[in-house]
Amino acid sequence: MVNRQVVGAHYGLRDWLVQRVTAVIMLVYAIGIVAFLLLASGASYEAWQQLFACTWVKVLTTVTVVALLWHAWVGIRDIWMDYVQPVGIRLTLHVLTILWLVASFIYSIHVVWGA
């Protein structure tokens, strides 16, 4: 029997599934935005304001932003875990990444919901 040592990122079904599900969410949202662009030819600033005034668009946008940030976290975390060996540097990079993602989420809430 071969002893296999698994080091680095969290290799597993959950992370693989998160990446796929979040990618699908972002794809569906992107298709919706492209459809709006194609169907609302010559869409003005007012048309965009009307679209994003709808609560369901705000909710879908927020869900997509959360999917994007979760997708980014899994990918960046795996990069740090695989390629940064010193634990102190890796921990610092994890913390900085989390702070950046949280700040991005807060800013997105401010932009989308006008809080």
PDB file of N, CA and C in Angstrom:
ATOM      1  N   MET A   1       0.854  -1.177   0.000  1.00  0.00           N
ATOM      2  CA  MET A   1       0.000   0.000   0.000  1.00  0.00           C
ATOM      3  C   MET A   1       0.896   1.235   0.000  1.00  0.00           C
ATOM      4  N   VAL A   2       0.563   2.193  -0.846  1.00  0.00           N
ATOM      5  CA  VAL A   2       1.347   3.414  -0.970  1.00  0.00           C
ATOM      6  C   VAL A   2       0.760   4.478  -0.046  1.00  0.00           C
ATOM      7  N   ASN A   3       1.629   5.064   0.776  1.00  0.00           N
ATOM      8  CA  ASN A   3       1.190   6.177   1.613  1.00  0.00           C
ATOM      9  C   ASN A   3       1.284   7.454   0.801  1.00  0.00           C
ATOM     10  N   ARG A   4       0.157   8.036   0.542  1.00  0.00           N
ATOM     11  CA  ARG A   4       0.123   9.262  -0.241  1.00  0.00           C
ATOM     12  C   ARG A   4      -0.072  10.437   0.696  1.00  0.00           C
ATOM     13  N   GLN A   5       0.813  11.415   0.574  1.00  0.00           N
ATOM     14  CA  GLN A   5       0.705  12.593   1.420  1.00  0.00           C
ATOM     15  C   GLN A   5       0.066  13.713   0.594  1.00  0.00           C
ATOM     16  N   VAL A   6      -1.079  14.131   1.039  1.00  0.00           N
ATOM     17  CA  VAL A   6      -1.774  15.198   0.344  1.00  0.00           C
ATOM     18  C   VAL A   6      -1.466  16.496   1.081  1.00  0.00           C
ATOM     19  N   VAL A   7      -0.811  17.392   0.380  1.00  0.00           N
ATOM     20  CA  VAL A   7      -0.481  18.683   0.975  1.00  0.00           C
ATOM     21  C   VAL A   7      -1.036  19.780   0.080  1.00  0.00           C
ATOM     22  N   GLY A   8      -1.052  20.961   0.602  1.00  0.00           N
ATOM     23  CA  GLY A   8      -1.491  22.096  -0.213  1.00  0.00           C
ATOM     24  C   GLY A   8      -2.954  22.369  -0.010  1.00  0.00           C
ATOM     25  N   ALA A   9      -3.617  22.654  -1.097  1.00  0.00           N
ATOM     26  CA  ALA A   9      -5.002  23.088  -1.055  1.00  0.00           C
ATOM     27  C   ALA A   9      -5.925  21.957  -0.607  1.00  0.00           C
ATOM     28  N   HIS A  10      -7.138  22.317  -0.287  1.00  0.00           N
ATOM     29  CA  HIS A  10      -8.154  21.357   0.145  1.00  0.00           C
ATOM     30  C   HIS A  10      -8.697  20.654  -1.090  1.00  0.00           C
ATOM     31  N   TYR A  11      -8.112  19.561  -1.449  1.00  0.00           N
ATOM     32  CA  TYR A  11      -8.568  18.819  -2.610  1.00  0.00           C
ATOM     33  C   TYR A  11      -9.820  18.063  -2.224  1.00  0.00           C
ATOM     34  N   GLY A  12     -10.903  18.370  -2.870  1.00  0.00           N
ATOM     35  CA  GLY A  12     -12.112  17.650  -2.525  1.00  0.00           C
ATOM     36  C   GLY A  12     -13.296  18.059  -3.365  1.00  0.00           C
ATOM     37  N   LEU A  13     -14.325  17.283  -3.206  1.00  0.00           N
ATOM     38  CA  LEU A  13     -15.543  17.461  -3.978  1.00  0.00           C
ATOM     39  C   LEU A  13     -16.220  18.789  -3.685  1.00  0.00           C
ATOM     40  N   ARG A  14     -16.213  19.212  -2.421  1.00  0.00           N
ATOM     41  CA  ARG A  14     -16.901  20.446  -2.052  1.00  0.00           C
ATOM     42  C   ARG A  14     -16.330  21.649  -2.803  1.00  0.00           C
ATOM     43  N   ASP A  15     -15.016  21.798  -2.802  1.00  0.00           N
ATOM     44  CA  ASP A  15     -14.393  22.925  -3.489  1.00  0.00           C
ATOM     45  C   ASP A  15     -14.610  22.849  -4.997  1.00  0.00           C
ATOM     46  N   TRP A  16     -14.544  21.662  -5.550  1.00  0.00           N
ATOM     47  CA  TRP A  16     -14.794  21.471  -6.970  1.00  0.00           C
ATOM     48  C   TRP A  16     -16.223  21.881  -7.306  1.00  0.00           C
ATOM     49  N   LEU A  17     -17.163  21.450  -6.471  1.00  0.00           N
ATOM     50  CA  LEU A  17     -18.565  21.762  -6.691  1.00  0.00           C
ATOM     51  C   LEU A  17     -18.839  23.258  -6.526  1.00  0.00           C
ATOM     52  N   VAL A  18     -18.236  23.884  -5.536  1.00  0.00           N
ATOM     53  CA  VAL A  18     -18.398  25.330  -5.331  1.00  0.00           C
ATOM     54  C   VAL A  18     -17.940  26.083  -6.568  1.00  0.00           C
ATOM     55  N   GLN A  19     -16.791  25.719  -7.108  1.00  0.00           N
ATOM     56  CA  GLN A  19     -16.275  26.387  -8.300  1.00  0.00           C
ATOM     57  C   GLN A  19     -17.245  26.248  -9.471  1.00  0.00           C
ATOM     58  N   ARG A  20     -17.825  25.079  -9.646  1.00  0.00           N
ATOM     59  CA  ARG A  20     -18.729  24.856 -10.780  1.00  0.00           C
ATOM     60  C   ARG A  20     -20.053  25.584 -10.590  1.00  0.00           C
ATOM     61  N   VAL A  21     -20.620  25.498  -9.388  1.00  0.00           N
ATOM     62  CA  VAL A  21     -21.913  26.132  -9.121  1.00  0.00           C
ATOM     63  C   VAL A  21     -21.790  27.655  -9.216  1.00  0.00           C
ATOM     64  N   THR A  22     -20.747  28.221  -8.629  1.00  0.00           N
ATOM     65  CA  THR A  22     -20.579  29.673  -8.699  1.00  0.00           C
ATOM     66  C   THR A  22     -20.314  30.128 -10.135  1.00  0.00           C
ATOM     67  N   ALA A  23     -19.599  29.323 -10.897  1.00  0.00           N
ATOM     68  CA  ALA A  23     -19.360  29.660 -12.305  1.00  0.00           C
ATOM     69  C   ALA A  23     -20.673  29.673 -13.089  1.00  0.00           C
ATOM     70  N   VAL A  24     -21.552  28.732 -12.822  1.00  0.00           N
ATOM     71  CA  VAL A  24     -22.849  28.685 -13.501  1.00  0.00           C
ATOM     72  C   VAL A  24     -23.689  29.908 -13.124  1.00  0.00           C
ATOM     73  N   ILE A  25     -23.680  30.273 -11.847  1.00  0.00           N
ATOM     74  CA  ILE A  25     -24.417  31.464 -11.410  1.00  0.00           C
ATOM     75  C   ILE A  25     -23.914  32.703 -12.146  1.00  0.00           C
ATOM     76  N   MET A  26     -22.602  32.854 -12.231  1.00  0.00           N
ATOM     77  CA  MET A  26     -22.036  34.021 -12.918  1.00  0.00           C
ATOM     78  C   MET A  26     -22.358  33.988 -14.413  1.00  0.00           C
ATOM     79  N   LEU A  27     -22.350  32.807 -15.022  1.00  0.00           N
ATOM     80  CA  LEU A  27     -22.669  32.674 -16.440  1.00  0.00           C
ATOM     81  C   LEU A  27     -24.115  33.060 -16.710  1.00  0.00           C
ATOM     82  N   VAL A  28     -25.030  32.580 -15.894  1.00  0.00           N
ATOM     83  CA  VAL A  28     -26.444  32.904 -16.067  1.00  0.00           C
ATOM     84  C   VAL A  28     -26.658  34.410 -15.932  1.00  0.00           C
ATOM     85  N   TYR A  29     -26.028  35.031 -14.959  1.00  0.00           N
ATOM     86  CA  TYR A  29     -26.148  36.477 -14.769  1.00  0.00           C
ATOM     87  C   TYR A  29     -25.578  37.215 -15.984  1.00  0.00           C
ATOM     88  N   ALA A  30     -24.431  36.789 -16.460  1.00  0.00           N
ATOM     89  CA  ALA A  30     -23.810  37.437 -17.625  1.00  0.00           C
ATOM     90  C   ALA A  30     -24.696  37.302 -18.862  1.00  0.00           C
ATOM     91  N   ILE A  31     -25.290  36.141 -19.057  1.00  0.00           N
ATOM     92  CA  ILE A  31     -26.203  35.944 -20.182  1.00  0.00           C
ATOM     93  C   ILE A  31     -27.404  36.884 -20.059  1.00  0.00           C
ATOM     94  N   GLY A  32     -27.906  37.053 -18.853  1.00  0.00           N
ATOM     95  CA  GLY A  32     -29.028  37.966 -18.627  1.00  0.00           C
ATOM     96  C   GLY A  32     -28.666  39.406 -18.953  1.00  0.00           C
ATOM     97  N   ILE A  33     -27.478  39.840 -18.554  1.00  0.00           N
ATOM     98  CA  ILE A  33     -27.038  41.210 -18.842  1.00  0.00           C
ATOM     99  C   ILE A  33     -26.843  41.387 -20.350  1.00  0.00           C
ATOM    100  N   VAL A  34     -26.234  40.407 -21.004  1.00  0.00           N
ATOM    101  CA  VAL A  34     -26.037  40.487 -22.458  1.00  0.00           C
ATOM    102  C   VAL A  34     -27.391  40.508 -23.170  1.00  0.00           C
ATOM    103  N   ALA A  35     -28.341  39.715 -22.700  1.00  0.00           N
ATOM    104  CA  ALA A  35     -29.681  39.715 -23.291  1.00  0.00           C
ATOM    105  C   ALA A  35     -30.320  41.092 -23.147  1.00  0.00           C
ATOM    106  N   PHE A  36     -30.150  41.709 -21.997  1.00  0.00           N
ATOM    107  CA  PHE A  36     -30.685  43.065 -21.805  1.00  0.00           C
ATOM    108  C   PHE A  36     -30.044  44.031 -22.790  1.00  0.00           C
ATOM    109  N   LEU A  37     -28.733  43.918 -22.954  1.00  0.00           N
ATOM    110  CA  LEU A  37     -28.032  44.799 -23.894  1.00  0.00           C
ATOM    111  C   LEU A  37     -28.535  44.617 -25.322  1.00  0.00           C
ATOM    112  N   LEU A  38     -28.777  43.367 -25.705  1.00  0.00           N
ATOM    113  CA  LEU A  38     -29.219  43.089 -27.075  1.00  0.00           C
ATOM    114  C   LEU A  38     -30.684  43.470 -27.297  1.00  0.00           C
ATOM    115  N   LEU A  39     -31.523  43.223 -26.305  1.00  0.00           N
ATOM    116  CA  LEU A  39     -32.951  43.482 -26.459  1.00  0.00           C
ATOM    117  C   LEU A  39     -33.304  44.950 -26.259  1.00  0.00           C
ATOM    118  N   ALA A  40     -32.530  45.642 -25.473  1.00  0.00           N
ATOM    119  CA  ALA A  40     -32.790  47.058 -25.204  1.00  0.00           C
ATOM    120  C   ALA A  40     -31.774  47.881 -25.989  1.00  0.00           C
ATOM    121  N   SER A  41     -31.851  47.771 -27.296  1.00  0.00           N
ATOM    122  CA  SER A  41     -30.882  48.486 -28.130  1.00  0.00           C
ATOM    123  C   SER A  41     -30.961  49.983 -27.837  1.00  0.00           C
ATOM    124  N   GLY A  42     -29.800  50.582 -27.687  1.00  0.00           N
ATOM    125  CA  GLY A  42     -29.739  52.000 -27.362  1.00  0.00           C
ATOM    126  C   GLY A  42     -30.193  52.299 -25.949  1.00  0.00           C
ATOM    127  N   ALA A  43     -30.016  51.328 -25.053  1.00  0.00           N
ATOM    128  CA  ALA A  43     -30.447  51.518 -23.665  1.00  0.00           C
ATOM    129  C   ALA A  43     -29.730  52.726 -23.066  1.00  0.00           C
ATOM    130  N   SER A  44     -30.503  53.558 -22.434  1.00  0.00           N
ATOM    131  CA  SER A  44     -29.966  54.780 -21.841  1.00  0.00           C
ATOM    132  C   SER A  44     -29.623  54.540 -20.373  1.00  0.00           C
ATOM    133  N   TYR A  45     -29.058  55.545 -19.790  1.00  0.00           N
ATOM    134  CA  TYR A  45     -28.741  55.497 -18.361  1.00  0.00           C
ATOM    135  C   TYR A  45     -30.021  55.289 -17.549  1.00  0.00           C
ATOM    136  N   GLU A  46     -31.097  55.913 -17.997  1.00  0.00           N
ATOM    137  CA  GLU A  46     -32.383  55.780 -17.307  1.00  0.00           C
ATOM    138  C   GLU A  46     -32.903  54.341 -17.375  1.00  0.00           C
ATOM    139  N   ALA A  47     -32.679  53.672 -18.522  1.00  0.00           N
ATOM    140  CA  ALA A  47     -33.100  52.275 -18.655  1.00  0.00           C
ATOM    141  C   ALA A  47     -32.327  51.380 -17.681  1.00  0.00           C
ATOM    142  N   TRP A  48     -31.030  51.645 -17.553  1.00  0.00           N
ATOM    143  CA  TRP A  48     -30.228  50.878 -16.590  1.00  0.00           C
ATOM    144  C   TRP A  48     -30.688  51.154 -15.166  1.00  0.00           C
ATOM    145  N   GLN A  49     -31.004  52.409 -14.892  1.00  0.00           N
ATOM    146  CA  GLN A  49     -31.506  52.752 -13.555  1.00  0.00           C
ATOM    147  C   GLN A  49     -32.815  52.029 -13.270  1.00  0.00           C
ATOM    148  N   GLN A  50     -33.703  51.988 -14.246  1.00  0.00           N
ATOM    149  CA  GLN A  50     -34.980  51.286 -14.072  1.00  0.00           C
ATOM    150  C   GLN A  50     -34.766  49.792 -13.849  1.00  0.00           C
ATOM    151  N   LEU A  51     -33.838  49.220 -14.612  1.00  0.00           N
ATOM    152  CA  LEU A  51     -33.549  47.794 -14.443  1.00  0.00           C
ATOM    153  C   LEU A  51     -33.043  47.511 -13.039  1.00  0.00           C
ATOM    154  N   PHE A  52     -32.071  48.297 -12.593  1.00  0.00           N
ATOM    155  CA  PHE A  52     -31.475  48.029 -11.288  1.00  0.00           C
ATOM    156  C   PHE A  52     -32.286  48.591 -10.125  1.00  0.00           C
ATOM    157  N   ALA A  53     -33.404  49.257 -10.429  1.00  0.00           N
ATOM    158  CA  ALA A  53     -34.324  49.683  -9.369  1.00  0.00           C
ATOM    159  C   ALA A  53     -35.204  48.519  -8.920  1.00  0.00           C
ATOM    160  N   CYS A  54     -35.307  47.496  -9.758  1.00  0.00           N
ATOM    161  CA  CYS A  54     -36.113  46.314  -9.419  1.00  0.00           C
ATOM    162  C   CYS A  54     -35.409  45.508  -8.325  1.00  0.00           C
ATOM    163  N   THR A  55     -36.178  45.150  -7.318  1.00  0.00           N
ATOM    164  CA  THR A  55     -35.601  44.403  -6.197  1.00  0.00           C
ATOM    165  C   THR A  55     -35.027  43.069  -6.659  1.00  0.00           C
ATOM    166  N   TRP A  56     -35.708  42.394  -7.575  1.00  0.00           N
ATOM    167  CA  TRP A  56     -35.226  41.080  -8.010  1.00  0.00           C
ATOM    168  C   TRP A  56     -33.881  41.183  -8.722  1.00  0.00           C
ATOM    169  N   VAL A  57     -33.636  42.299  -9.431  1.00  0.00           N
ATOM    170  CA  VAL A  57     -32.339  42.486 -10.086  1.00  0.00           C
ATOM    171  C   VAL A  57     -31.274  42.744  -9.036  1.00  0.00           C
ATOM    172  N   LYS A  58     -31.619  43.517  -8.025  1.00  0.00           N
ATOM    173  CA  LYS A  58     -30.665  43.774  -6.938  1.00  0.00           C
ATOM    174  C   LYS A  58     -30.302  42.477  -6.215  1.00  0.00           C
ATOM    175  N   VAL A  59     -31.307  41.644  -5.965  1.00  0.00           N
ATOM    176  CA  VAL A  59     -31.061  40.365  -5.284  1.00  0.00           C
ATOM    177  C   VAL A  59     -30.190  39.465  -6.153  1.00  0.00           C
ATOM    178  N   LEU A  60     -30.534  39.347  -7.445  1.00  0.00           N
ATOM    179  CA  LEU A  60     -29.727  38.508  -8.340  1.00  0.00           C
ATOM    180  C   LEU A  60     -28.301  39.042  -8.474  1.00  0.00           C
ATOM    181  N   THR A  61     -28.159  40.350  -8.508  1.00  0.00           N
ATOM    182  CA  THR A  61     -26.824  40.938  -8.585  1.00  0.00           C
ATOM    183  C   THR A  61     -26.037  40.633  -7.315  1.00  0.00           C
ATOM    184  N   THR A  62     -26.678  40.747  -6.172  1.00  0.00           N
ATOM    185  CA  THR A  62     -26.004  40.447  -4.909  1.00  0.00           C
ATOM    186  C   THR A  62     -25.621  38.973  -4.827  1.00  0.00           C
ATOM    187  N   VAL A  63     -26.510  38.096  -5.261  1.00  0.00           N
ATOM    188  CA  VAL A  63     -26.202  36.655  -5.278  1.00  0.00           C
ATOM    189  C   VAL A  63     -25.018  36.394  -6.198  1.00  0.00           C
ATOM    190  N   THR A  64     -24.985  37.064  -7.336  1.00  0.00           N
ATOM    191  CA  THR A  64     -23.879  36.878  -8.279  1.00  0.00           C
ATOM    192  C   THR A  64     -22.574  37.401  -7.703  1.00  0.00           C
ATOM    193  N   VAL A  65     -22.620  38.526  -7.018  1.00  0.00           N
ATOM    194  CA  VAL A  65     -21.409  39.060  -6.386  1.00  0.00           C
ATOM    195  C   VAL A  65     -20.909  38.095  -5.314  1.00  0.00           C
ATOM    196  N   VAL A  66     -21.815  37.551  -4.513  1.00  0.00           N
ATOM    197  CA  VAL A  66     -21.419  36.564  -3.494  1.00  0.00           C
ATOM    198  C   VAL A  66     -20.799  35.343  -4.183  1.00  0.00           C
ATOM    199  N   ALA A  67     -21.402  34.884  -5.274  1.00  0.00           N
ATOM    200  CA  ALA A  67     -20.843  33.747  -6.019  1.00  0.00           C
ATOM    201  C   ALA A  67     -19.452  34.079  -6.542  1.00  0.00           C
ATOM    202  N   LEU A  68     -19.283  35.280  -7.078  1.00  0.00           N
ATOM    203  CA  LEU A  68     -17.980  35.705  -7.589  1.00  0.00           C
ATOM    204  C   LEU A  68     -16.933  35.732  -6.483  1.00  0.00           C
ATOM    205  N   LEU A  69     -17.291  36.290  -5.342  1.00  0.00           N
ATOM    206  CA  LEU A  69     -16.329  36.382  -4.239  1.00  0.00           C
ATOM    207  C   LEU A  69     -15.998  35.001  -3.667  1.00  0.00           C
ATOM    208  N   TRP A  70     -16.999  34.124  -3.578  1.00  0.00           N
ATOM    209  CA  TRP A  70     -16.746  32.759  -3.094  1.00  0.00           C
ATOM    210  C   TRP A  70     -15.861  32.012  -4.085  1.00  0.00           C
ATOM    211  N   HIS A  71     -16.155  32.178  -5.366  1.00  0.00           N
ATOM    212  CA  HIS A  71     -15.353  31.569  -6.427  1.00  0.00           C
ATOM    213  C   HIS A  71     -13.903  32.053  -6.327  1.00  0.00           C
ATOM    214  N   ALA A  72     -13.743  33.352  -6.144  1.00  0.00           N
ATOM    215  CA  ALA A  72     -12.400  33.929  -6.004  1.00  0.00           C
ATOM    216  C   ALA A  72     -11.700  33.391  -4.762  1.00  0.00           C
ATOM    217  N   TRP A  73     -12.419  33.271  -3.653  1.00  0.00           N
ATOM    218  CA  TRP A  73     -11.810  32.782  -2.419  1.00  0.00           C
ATOM    219  C   TRP A  73     -11.270  31.365  -2.606  1.00  0.00           C
ATOM    220  N   VAL A  74     -12.072  30.489  -3.185  1.00  0.00           N
ATOM    221  CA  VAL A  74     -11.624  29.100  -3.371  1.00  0.00           C
ATOM    222  C   VAL A  74     -10.386  29.067  -4.265  1.00  0.00           C
ATOM    223  N   GLY A  75     -10.405  29.821  -5.338  1.00  0.00           N
ATOM    224  CA  GLY A  75      -9.265  29.821  -6.258  1.00  0.00           C
ATOM    225  C   GLY A  75      -8.010  30.422  -5.658  1.00  0.00           C
ATOM    226  N   ILE A  76      -8.146  31.585  -5.045  1.00  0.00           N
ATOM    227  CA  ILE A  76      -6.977  32.250  -4.454  1.00  0.00           C
ATOM    228  C   ILE A  76      -6.432  31.446  -3.275  1.00  0.00           C
ATOM    229  N   ARG A  77      -7.339  30.916  -2.450  1.00  0.00           N
ATOM    230  CA  ARG A  77      -6.898  30.105  -1.310  1.00  0.00           C
ATOM    231  C   ARG A  77      -6.088  28.898  -1.784  1.00  0.00           C
ATOM    232  N   ASP A  78      -6.549  28.277  -2.852  1.00  0.00           N
ATOM    233  CA  ASP A  78      -5.814  27.127  -3.383  1.00  0.00           C
ATOM    234  C   ASP A  78      -4.438  27.541  -3.896  1.00  0.00           C
ATOM    235  N   ILE A  79      -4.368  28.705  -4.527  1.00  0.00           N
ATOM    236  CA  ILE A  79      -3.066  29.193  -4.996  1.00  0.00           C
ATOM    237  C   ILE A  79      -2.125  29.409  -3.812  1.00  0.00           C
ATOM    238  N   TRP A  80      -2.613  30.092  -2.773  1.00  0.00           N
ATOM    239  CA  TRP A  80      -1.746  30.326  -1.596  1.00  0.00           C
ATOM    240  C   TRP A  80      -1.335  29.000  -0.958  1.00  0.00           C
ATOM    241  N   MET A  81      -2.288  28.064  -0.853  1.00  0.00           N
ATOM    242  CA  MET A  81      -1.983  26.785  -0.201  1.00  0.00           C
ATOM    243  C   MET A  81      -0.980  25.964  -1.027  1.00  0.00           C
ATOM    244  N   ASP A  82      -1.062  26.043  -2.340  1.00  0.00           N
ATOM    245  CA  ASP A  82      -0.190  25.238  -3.198  1.00  0.00           C
ATOM    246  C   ASP A  82       1.202  25.837  -3.381  1.00  0.00           C
ATOM    247  N   TYR A  83       1.284  27.161  -3.472  1.00  0.00           N
ATOM    248  CA  TYR A  83       2.542  27.768  -3.910  1.00  0.00           C
ATOM    249  C   TYR A  83       3.266  28.606  -2.871  1.00  0.00           C
ATOM    250  N   VAL A  84       2.650  28.877  -1.731  1.00  0.00           N
ATOM    251  CA  VAL A  84       3.324  29.649  -0.690  1.00  0.00           C
ATOM    252  C   VAL A  84       3.596  28.707   0.483  1.00  0.00           C
ATOM    253  N   GLN A  85       4.854  28.361   0.673  1.00  0.00           N
ATOM    254  CA  GLN A  85       5.203  27.367   1.678  1.00  0.00           C
ATOM    255  C   GLN A  85       5.352  27.926   3.104  1.00  0.00           C
ATOM    256  N   PRO A  86       5.991  29.094   3.315  1.00  0.00           N
ATOM    257  CA  PRO A  86       6.118  29.594   4.687  1.00  0.00           C
ATOM    258  C   PRO A  86       4.742  29.907   5.280  1.00  0.00           C
ATOM    259  N   VAL A  87       4.461  29.302   6.420  1.00  0.00           N
ATOM    260  CA  VAL A  87       3.138  29.394   7.023  1.00  0.00           C
ATOM    261  C   VAL A  87       2.771  30.842   7.356  1.00  0.00           C
ATOM    262  N   GLY A  88       3.705  31.600   7.866  1.00  0.00           N
ATOM    263  CA  GLY A  88       3.428  32.989   8.228  1.00  0.00           C
ATOM    264  C   GLY A  88       3.023  33.840   7.043  1.00  0.00           C
ATOM    265  N   ILE A  89       3.720  33.675   5.940  1.00  0.00           N
ATOM    266  CA  ILE A  89       3.387  34.425   4.725  1.00  0.00           C
ATOM    267  C   ILE A  89       2.039  33.966   4.185  1.00  0.00           C
ATOM    268  N   ARG A  90       1.817  32.656   4.202  1.00  0.00           N
ATOM    269  CA  ARG A  90       0.546  32.116   3.709  1.00  0.00           C
ATOM    270  C   ARG A  90      -0.626  32.640   4.540  1.00  0.00           C
ATOM    271  N   LEU A  91      -0.468  32.641   5.868  1.00  0.00           N
ATOM    272  CA  LEU A  91      -1.523  33.145   6.745  1.00  0.00           C
ATOM    273  C   LEU A  91      -1.782  34.631   6.484  1.00  0.00           C
ATOM    274  N   THR A  92      -0.713  35.396   6.304  1.00  0.00           N
ATOM    275  CA  THR A  92      -0.856  36.822   6.000  1.00  0.00           C
ATOM    276  C   THR A  92      -1.608  37.019   4.687  1.00  0.00           C
ATOM    277  N   LEU A  93      -1.257  36.237   3.680  1.00  0.00           N
ATOM    278  CA  LEU A  93      -1.948  36.336   2.395  1.00  0.00           C
ATOM    279  C   LEU A  93      -3.417  35.937   2.507  1.00  0.00           C
ATOM    280  N   HIS A  94      -3.706  34.925   3.317  1.00  0.00           N
ATOM    281  CA  HIS A  94      -5.102  34.531   3.543  1.00  0.00           C
ATOM    282  C   HIS A  94      -5.884  35.672   4.181  1.00  0.00           C
ATOM    283  N   VAL A  95      -5.309  36.268   5.219  1.00  0.00           N
ATOM    284  CA  VAL A  95      -5.988  37.358   5.921  1.00  0.00           C
ATOM    285  C   VAL A  95      -6.202  38.544   4.993  1.00  0.00           C
ATOM    286  N   LEU A  96      -5.171  38.922   4.232  1.00  0.00           N
ATOM    287  CA  LEU A  96      -5.308  40.038   3.297  1.00  0.00           C
ATOM    288  C   LEU A  96      -6.355  39.748   2.226  1.00  0.00           C
ATOM    289  N   THR A  97      -6.404  38.507   1.754  1.00  0.00           N
ATOM    290  CA  THR A  97      -7.400  38.123   0.758  1.00  0.00           C
ATOM    291  C   THR A  97      -8.806  38.221   1.340  1.00  0.00           C
ATOM    292  N   ILE A  98      -8.987  37.718   2.554  1.00  0.00           N
ATOM    293  CA  ILE A  98     -10.298  37.790   3.208  1.00  0.00           C
ATOM    294  C   ILE A  98     -10.719  39.240   3.402  1.00  0.00           C
ATOM    295  N   LEU A  99      -9.807  40.086   3.850  1.00  0.00           N
ATOM    296  CA  LEU A  99     -10.127  41.501   4.040  1.00  0.00           C
ATOM    297  C   LEU A  99     -10.536  42.150   2.727  1.00  0.00           C
ATOM    298  N   TRP A 100      -9.806  41.832   1.650  1.00  0.00           N
ATOM    299  CA  TRP A 100     -10.131  42.385   0.338  1.00  0.00           C
ATOM    300  C   TRP A 100     -11.511  41.912  -0.123  1.00  0.00           C
ATOM    301  N   LEU A 101     -11.811  40.621   0.063  1.00  0.00           N
ATOM    302  CA  LEU A 101     -13.101  40.085  -0.361  1.00  0.00           C
ATOM    303  C   LEU A 101     -14.248  40.684   0.451  1.00  0.00           C
ATOM    304  N   VAL A 102     -14.059  40.836   1.751  1.00  0.00           N
ATOM    305  CA  VAL A 102     -15.099  41.442   2.600  1.00  0.00           C
ATOM    306  C   VAL A 102     -15.318  42.903   2.194  1.00  0.00           C
ATOM    307  N   ALA A 103     -14.225  43.630   1.972  1.00  0.00           N
ATOM    308  CA  ALA A 103     -14.346  45.025   1.541  1.00  0.00           C
ATOM    309  C   ALA A 103     -15.050  45.111   0.193  1.00  0.00           C
ATOM    310  N   SER A 104     -14.755  44.192  -0.705  1.00  0.00           N
ATOM    311  CA  SER A 104     -15.417  44.169  -2.011  1.00  0.00           C
ATOM    312  C   SER A 104     -16.909  43.907  -1.855  1.00  0.00           C
ATOM    313  N   PHE A 105     -17.265  43.015  -0.955  1.00  0.00           N
ATOM    314  CA  PHE A 105     -18.681  42.724  -0.710  1.00  0.00           C
ATOM    315  C   PHE A 105     -19.397  43.951  -0.149  1.00  0.00           C
ATOM    316  N   ILE A 106     -18.784  44.591   0.822  1.00  0.00           N
ATOM    317  CA  ILE A 106     -19.394  45.787   1.419  1.00  0.00           C
ATOM    318  C   ILE A 106     -19.580  46.873   0.364  1.00  0.00           C
ATOM    319  N   TYR A 107     -18.577  47.080  -0.461  1.00  0.00           N
ATOM    320  CA  TYR A 107     -18.678  48.079  -1.522  1.00  0.00           C
ATOM    321  C   TYR A 107     -19.772  47.707  -2.518  1.00  0.00           C
ATOM    322  N   SER A 108     -19.886  46.427  -2.855  1.00  0.00           N
ATOM    323  CA  SER A 108     -20.918  45.999  -3.811  1.00  0.00           C
ATOM    324  C   SER A 108     -22.324  46.242  -3.240  1.00  0.00           C
ATOM    325  N   ILE A 109     -22.490  46.035  -1.955  1.00  0.00           N
ATOM    326  CA  ILE A 109     -23.775  46.307  -1.309  1.00  0.00           C
ATOM    327  C   ILE A 109     -24.092  47.799  -1.418  1.00  0.00           C
ATOM    328  N   HIS A 110     -23.081  48.607  -1.179  1.00  0.00           N
ATOM    329  CA  HIS A 110     -23.250  50.062  -1.281  1.00  0.00           C
ATOM    330  C   HIS A 110     -23.651  50.461  -2.702  1.00  0.00           C
ATOM    331  N   VAL A 111     -23.016  49.880  -3.702  1.00  0.00           N
ATOM    332  CA  VAL A 111     -23.304  50.225  -5.094  1.00  0.00           C
ATOM    333  C   VAL A 111     -24.673  49.710  -5.522  1.00  0.00           C
ATOM    334  N   VAL A 112     -24.974  48.451  -5.220  1.00  0.00           N
ATOM    335  CA  VAL A 112     -26.202  47.833  -5.717  1.00  0.00           C
ATOM    336  C   VAL A 112     -27.447  48.333  -4.957  1.00  0.00           C
ATOM    337  N   TRP A 113     -27.342  48.423  -3.648  1.00  0.00           N
ATOM    338  CA  TRP A 113     -28.498  48.770  -2.842  1.00  0.00           C
ATOM    339  C   TRP A 113     -28.557  50.257  -2.486  1.00  0.00           C
ATOM    340  N   GLY A 114     -27.482  50.982  -2.793  1.00  0.00           N
ATOM    341  CA  GLY A 114     -27.477  52.404  -2.508  1.00  0.00           C
ATOM    342  C   GLY A 114     -27.491  52.729  -1.030  1.00  0.00           C
ATOM    343  N   ALA A 115     -26.921  51.813  -0.239  1.00  0.00           N
ATOM    344  CA  ALA A 115     -26.919  51.992   1.220  1.00  0.00           C
ATOM    345  C   ALA A 115     -25.942  53.059   1.651  1.00  0.00           C
TER     346      ALA A 115
END
